[in-house]
Protein backbone atom coordinates (compact mmCIF):
# COMPACT_ATOMS: atom_id res chain seq x y z
CA MET A 1 92.35 52.08 145.95
CA LYS A 2 92.31 48.46 147.01
CA GLU A 3 92.38 49.47 150.66
CA MET A 4 89.46 51.82 150.04
CA LYS A 5 87.45 48.90 148.61
CA GLU A 6 87.04 50.43 145.17
CA SER A 7 85.40 48.35 142.49
CA GLU A 8 87.48 46.39 140.00
CA LEU A 9 86.21 48.61 137.20
CA GLU A 10 87.46 51.78 138.94
CA ILE A 11 90.85 50.19 139.55
CA LYS A 12 91.15 49.13 135.89
CA LYS A 13 90.21 52.66 134.76
CA ALA A 14 92.87 54.17 137.02
CA VAL A 15 95.53 51.72 135.80
CA THR A 16 94.64 52.43 132.17
CA GLU A 17 94.85 56.19 132.76
CA LEU A 18 98.25 55.83 134.48
CA LYS A 19 99.58 53.72 131.61
CA ALA A 20 98.40 56.33 129.10
CA ARG A 21 100.12 59.12 131.07
CA LYS A 22 103.29 57.05 131.29
CA LYS A 23 103.26 56.54 127.51
CA VAL A 24 102.85 60.29 126.92
CA LEU A 25 105.79 61.02 129.23
CA GLU A 26 108.00 58.41 127.54
CA ASP A 27 107.15 59.83 124.10
CA LYS A 28 107.99 63.35 125.27
CA GLU A 29 111.27 62.16 126.77
CA LEU A 30 112.26 60.53 123.47
CA GLU A 31 111.31 63.67 121.59
CA LEU A 32 113.47 65.86 123.82
CA SER A 33 116.48 63.54 124.00
CA ARG A 34 119.39 64.12 121.65
CA LYS A 35 119.85 61.01 119.59
CA ASP A 36 122.41 62.05 117.01
CA GLU A 37 124.70 64.13 119.22
CA GLU A 38 127.51 62.18 120.83
CA PHE A 39 130.20 63.35 123.19
CA ASP A 40 133.43 64.22 121.37
CA ARG A 41 136.38 63.95 123.74
CA PHE A 42 138.81 65.70 121.39
CA LYS A 43 136.55 68.73 121.04
CA MET A 44 136.21 68.89 124.82
CA GLU A 45 139.98 68.69 125.35
CA ASP A 46 140.54 71.37 122.72
CA LEU A 47 138.00 73.64 124.40
CA LEU A 48 139.62 73.15 127.82
CA LYS A 49 143.05 73.96 126.38
CA ARG A 50 141.80 77.05 124.55
CA ARG A 51 140.05 78.29 127.70
CA PHE A 52 143.28 77.81 129.69
CA PHE A 53 142.10 75.05 132.02
CA TYR A 54 145.10 72.79 131.38
CA ASP A 55 147.71 72.01 128.77
CA GLN A 56 150.83 69.90 128.37
CA SER A 57 153.49 71.21 130.68
CA PHE A 58 155.86 72.61 128.06
CA ALA A 59 153.32 73.55 125.39
CA ILE A 60 152.97 77.04 126.82
CA TYR A 61 156.74 77.52 126.33
CA GLY A 62 156.78 76.52 122.68
CA GLY A 63 156.55 72.78 123.18
CA ARG A 64 160.20 72.13 124.00
CA HIS A 65 161.28 70.53 127.20
CA PHE A 66 164.84 70.21 128.31
CA PHE A 67 164.51 67.26 130.66
CA HIS A 68 165.37 64.05 128.84
CA SER A 69 165.24 61.80 131.88
CA SER A 70 161.50 61.28 131.67
CA SER A 71 159.44 60.34 128.67
CA LYS A 72 156.15 60.93 130.48
CA ILE A 73 153.85 63.71 129.36
CA THR A 74 152.82 65.94 132.22
CA PHE A 75 150.06 68.50 132.34
CA THR A 76 149.92 71.92 133.93
CA TYR A 77 146.78 73.51 135.30
CA LEU A 78 146.49 77.02 133.97
CA VAL A 79 144.74 80.05 135.50
CA THR A 80 141.11 78.95 135.11
CA GLY A 81 141.97 75.35 135.96
CA ILE A 82 143.51 76.47 139.26
CA ILE A 83 140.44 78.57 140.03
CA VAL A 84 138.20 75.53 139.45
CA LEU A 85 140.44 73.31 141.59
CA ASN A 86 140.44 75.80 144.46
CA SER A 87 136.68 76.33 144.49
């Protein structure tokens, strides 16, 4: 508008209108955002295990492992987890 040599009054009107539109958009964004819902990692892990994405390596065999040389917990990708990895 400045390049088009508009009057100061027209520029102020346009700026005021843009600020009002910005405020409406910000209010709508706050209204639509989820404030009280937080991400729960344990629920997500439980869902992934129940849907057969992954699980602890020996959990699918009753939770017992026969290798005492390692105290590390390993994970196994199950059927759907392998499909996701390969795609």
